[in-house]
Amino acid sequence: MILIVDEIDNVFANIFSSAMSFKNIFNKINYKYLVIIFTVLSCILSNVIPISQYESFLLLIGALFAPLFAIVLMITM
C-alpha cells in the first residue's frame, strides 16, 4: 500500500509530461483532453501487456542508454 501511495506522484508527472510533450507537437488540442487520453491509454496498456514483455523492454532500454551515455561522456571530455 505504501508503494502505491509513493508512486502516485510519479505517475501523475509522467502522464502530465506526456500530455505536454504531445501538446507541443499538436498545439490545437487542449491539454486536459490529452491528460485523459494518456491516462486511459496507459491504464489499458498496463492491463494488456504482460509483465514479461515489459522486462524485455527495460533490458532493451538499458542496453541502449548505457552505450549512449558513454558516447555523450566521451564527446564532452
N, C-alpha and C. Protein backbone atom coordinates (compact mmCIF):
# COMPACT_ATOMS: atom_id res chain seq x y z
N MET A 1 0.82 -1.20 0.00
CA MET A 1 0.00 0.00 0.00
C MET A 1 0.86 1.26 0.00
N ILE A 2 1.94 1.22 0.76
CA ILE A 2 2.83 2.39 0.82
C ILE A 2 3.47 2.63 -0.54
N LEU A 3 3.83 1.55 -1.22
CA LEU A 3 4.43 1.68 -2.55
C LEU A 3 3.47 2.34 -3.54
N ILE A 4 2.20 1.98 -3.48
CA ILE A 4 1.20 2.57 -4.38
C ILE A 4 1.06 4.06 -4.11
N VAL A 5 0.99 4.43 -2.85
CA VAL A 5 0.85 5.85 -2.50
C VAL A 5 2.10 6.62 -2.91
N ASP A 6 3.27 5.99 -2.76
CA ASP A 6 4.52 6.66 -3.12
C ASP A 6 4.64 6.87 -4.63
N GLU A 7 4.09 5.99 -5.43
CA GLU A 7 4.23 6.07 -6.88
C GLU A 7 3.19 6.96 -7.56
N ILE A 8 2.19 7.43 -6.84
CA ILE A 8 1.13 8.24 -7.45
C ILE A 8 1.69 9.53 -8.04
N ASP A 9 2.60 10.18 -7.34
CA ASP A 9 3.15 11.43 -7.88
C ASP A 9 4.00 11.18 -9.12
N ASN A 10 4.68 10.04 -9.19
CA ASN A 10 5.46 9.71 -10.39
C ASN A 10 4.54 9.49 -11.59
N VAL A 11 3.46 8.79 -11.36
CA VAL A 11 2.51 8.52 -12.45
C VAL A 11 1.90 9.83 -12.94
N PHE A 12 1.51 10.68 -12.03
CA PHE A 12 0.94 11.97 -12.42
C PHE A 12 1.94 12.78 -13.24
N ALA A 13 3.18 12.82 -12.79
CA ALA A 13 4.20 13.58 -13.51
C ALA A 13 4.45 13.00 -14.90
N ASN A 14 4.47 11.69 -15.02
CA ASN A 14 4.70 11.05 -16.32
C ASN A 14 3.57 11.32 -17.30
N ILE A 15 2.34 11.22 -16.82
CA ILE A 15 1.20 11.46 -17.70
C ILE A 15 1.13 12.94 -18.10
N PHE A 16 1.36 13.82 -17.16
CA PHE A 16 1.32 15.25 -17.47
C PHE A 16 2.44 15.62 -18.44
N SER A 17 3.62 15.05 -18.24
CA SER A 17 4.74 15.31 -19.14
C SER A 17 4.45 14.80 -20.55
N SER A 18 3.85 13.63 -20.65
CA SER A 18 3.49 13.09 -21.97
C SER A 18 2.48 13.99 -22.66
N ALA A 19 1.49 14.45 -21.91
CA ALA A 19 0.47 15.32 -22.49
C ALA A 19 1.07 16.65 -22.95
N MET A 20 1.97 17.22 -22.16
CA MET A 20 2.57 18.49 -22.54
C MET A 20 3.50 18.33 -23.75
N SER A 21 4.23 17.22 -23.82
CA SER A 21 5.09 16.97 -24.97
C SER A 21 4.25 16.81 -26.23
N PHE A 22 3.15 16.10 -26.12
CA PHE A 22 2.26 15.91 -27.27
C PHE A 22 1.63 17.24 -27.67
N LYS A 23 1.30 18.08 -26.68
CA LYS A 23 0.70 19.38 -26.97
C LYS A 23 1.70 20.29 -27.69
N ASN A 24 2.98 20.15 -27.41
CA ASN A 24 3.98 20.94 -28.12
C ASN A 24 4.01 20.61 -29.60
N ILE A 25 3.69 19.38 -29.94
CA ILE A 25 3.66 18.98 -31.35
C ILE A 25 2.34 19.37 -32.00
N PHE A 26 1.23 19.06 -31.31
CA PHE A 26 -0.11 19.37 -31.82
C PHE A 26 -0.73 20.41 -30.89
N ASN A 27 -0.55 21.67 -31.23
CA ASN A 27 -0.90 22.77 -30.33
C ASN A 27 -2.40 22.99 -30.16
N LYS A 28 -3.22 22.53 -31.09
CA LYS A 28 -4.64 22.86 -31.05
C LYS A 28 -5.44 22.00 -30.07
N ILE A 29 -4.87 20.92 -29.59
CA ILE A 29 -5.59 20.02 -28.68
C ILE A 29 -5.42 20.53 -27.25
N ASN A 30 -6.52 20.59 -26.51
CA ASN A 30 -6.49 21.03 -25.12
C ASN A 30 -5.76 20.00 -24.26
N TYR A 31 -4.90 20.47 -23.36
CA TYR A 31 -4.10 19.55 -22.56
C TYR A 31 -4.94 18.72 -21.60
N LYS A 32 -6.10 19.20 -21.20
CA LYS A 32 -6.96 18.42 -20.31
C LYS A 32 -7.44 17.14 -20.99
N TYR A 33 -7.76 17.26 -22.27
CA TYR A 33 -8.16 16.06 -23.02
C TYR A 33 -6.98 15.12 -23.22
N LEU A 34 -5.81 15.71 -23.43
CA LEU A 34 -4.62 14.88 -23.61
C LEU A 34 -4.29 14.09 -22.34
N VAL A 35 -4.44 14.73 -21.19
CA VAL A 35 -4.19 14.04 -19.92
C VAL A 35 -5.15 12.86 -19.77
N ILE A 36 -6.41 13.08 -20.11
CA ILE A 36 -7.39 11.99 -20.02
C ILE A 36 -7.06 10.88 -21.00
N ILE A 37 -6.70 11.25 -22.22
CA ILE A 37 -6.37 10.25 -23.24
C ILE A 37 -5.16 9.42 -22.81
N PHE A 38 -4.10 10.08 -22.35
CA PHE A 38 -2.90 9.36 -21.94
C PHE A 38 -3.15 8.51 -20.69
N THR A 39 -4.01 8.96 -19.80
CA THR A 39 -4.34 8.16 -18.62
C THR A 39 -5.08 6.90 -19.01
N VAL A 40 -6.09 7.04 -19.86
CA VAL A 40 -6.85 5.87 -20.31
C VAL A 40 -5.96 4.92 -21.10
N LEU A 41 -5.15 5.47 -21.99
CA LEU A 41 -4.27 4.64 -22.80
C LEU A 41 -3.27 3.88 -21.94
N SER A 42 -2.69 4.54 -20.95
CA SER A 42 -1.72 3.86 -20.09
C SER A 42 -2.38 2.80 -19.22
N CYS A 43 -3.61 3.04 -18.77
CA CYS A 43 -4.33 2.02 -17.99
C CYS A 43 -4.64 0.80 -18.85
N ILE A 44 -5.05 1.03 -20.09
CA ILE A 44 -5.35 -0.10 -20.99
C ILE A 44 -4.08 -0.88 -21.29
N LEU A 45 -3.00 -0.18 -21.62
CA LEU A 45 -1.75 -0.86 -21.95
C LEU A 45 -1.18 -1.61 -20.75
N SER A 46 -1.32 -1.07 -19.56
CA SER A 46 -0.79 -1.75 -18.38
C SER A 46 -1.55 -3.04 -18.07
N ASN A 47 -2.80 -3.12 -18.49
CA ASN A 47 -3.56 -4.33 -18.27
C ASN A 47 -3.44 -5.34 -19.41
N VAL A 48 -3.02 -4.89 -20.58
CA VAL A 48 -2.94 -5.76 -21.74
C VAL A 48 -1.55 -6.38 -21.90
N ILE A 49 -0.50 -5.59 -21.68
CA ILE A 49 0.86 -6.05 -21.92
C ILE A 49 1.33 -6.90 -20.74
N PRO A 50 1.78 -8.13 -21.00
CA PRO A 50 2.30 -8.98 -19.92
C PRO A 50 3.59 -8.42 -19.33
N ILE A 51 3.82 -8.68 -18.05
CA ILE A 51 4.99 -8.14 -17.37
C ILE A 51 6.29 -8.70 -17.94
N SER A 52 6.26 -9.89 -18.52
CA SER A 52 7.48 -10.47 -19.10
C SER A 52 7.94 -9.66 -20.31
N GLN A 53 7.02 -9.13 -21.09
CA GLN A 53 7.40 -8.26 -22.21
C GLN A 53 7.93 -6.93 -21.71
N TYR A 54 7.42 -6.46 -20.59
CA TYR A 54 7.89 -5.21 -20.02
C TYR A 54 9.34 -5.35 -19.55
N GLU A 55 9.65 -6.52 -18.99
CA GLU A 55 11.02 -6.77 -18.55
C GLU A 55 11.97 -6.75 -19.75
N SER A 56 11.57 -7.32 -20.85
CA SER A 56 12.39 -7.29 -22.06
C SER A 56 12.59 -5.86 -22.54
N PHE A 57 11.55 -5.06 -22.46
CA PHE A 57 11.64 -3.66 -22.85
C PHE A 57 12.63 -2.90 -21.97
N LEU A 58 12.59 -3.15 -20.67
CA LEU A 58 13.53 -2.48 -19.77
C LEU A 58 14.97 -2.90 -20.05
N LEU A 59 15.17 -4.18 -20.36
CA LEU A 59 16.51 -4.64 -20.70
C LEU A 59 16.99 -3.99 -22.00
N LEU A 60 16.10 -3.81 -22.96
CA LEU A 60 16.45 -3.15 -24.21
C LEU A 60 16.84 -1.70 -23.97
N ILE A 61 16.09 -1.01 -23.13
CA ILE A 61 16.42 0.38 -22.81
C ILE A 61 17.79 0.46 -22.14
N GLY A 62 18.04 -0.45 -21.19
CA GLY A 62 19.34 -0.47 -20.52
C GLY A 62 20.48 -0.75 -21.48
N ALA A 63 20.24 -1.61 -22.45
CA ALA A 63 21.28 -1.93 -23.42
C ALA A 63 21.55 -0.76 -24.36
N LEU A 64 20.58 0.10 -24.59
CA LEU A 64 20.76 1.24 -25.49
C LEU A 64 21.34 2.46 -24.79
N PHE A 65 20.87 2.76 -23.59
CA PHE A 65 21.26 4.01 -22.96
C PHE A 65 22.63 3.97 -22.30
N ALA A 66 23.10 2.82 -21.86
CA ALA A 66 24.44 2.76 -21.27
C ALA A 66 25.51 3.11 -22.31
N PRO A 67 25.49 2.51 -23.50
CA PRO A 67 26.48 2.92 -24.51
C PRO A 67 26.28 4.36 -24.98
N LEU A 68 25.04 4.80 -25.06
CA LEU A 68 24.77 6.17 -25.47
C LEU A 68 25.35 7.16 -24.47
N PHE A 69 25.22 6.86 -23.18
CA PHE A 69 25.78 7.73 -22.15
C PHE A 69 27.30 7.76 -22.26
N ALA A 70 27.91 6.63 -22.57
CA ALA A 70 29.37 6.58 -22.72
C ALA A 70 29.82 7.45 -23.89
N ILE A 71 29.06 7.45 -24.98
CA ILE A 71 29.40 8.27 -26.14
C ILE A 71 29.28 9.75 -25.79
N VAL A 72 28.20 10.12 -25.13
CA VAL A 72 28.00 11.53 -24.74
C VAL A 72 29.10 11.96 -23.77
N LEU A 73 29.46 11.09 -22.86
CA LEU A 73 30.51 11.40 -21.89
C LEU A 73 31.84 11.62 -22.59
N MET A 74 32.16 10.81 -23.56
CA MET A 74 33.43 10.95 -24.27
C MET A 74 33.45 12.19 -25.16
N ILE A 75 32.30 12.56 -25.70
CA ILE A 75 32.24 13.76 -26.54
C ILE A 75 32.47 15.02 -25.69
N THR A 76 31.94 15.03 -24.48
CA THR A 76 32.06 16.22 -23.63
C THR A 76 33.45 16.35 -23.02
N MET A 77 34.25 15.32 -23.04
CA MET A 77 35.59 15.41 -22.44
C MET A 77 36.59 16.04 -23.36
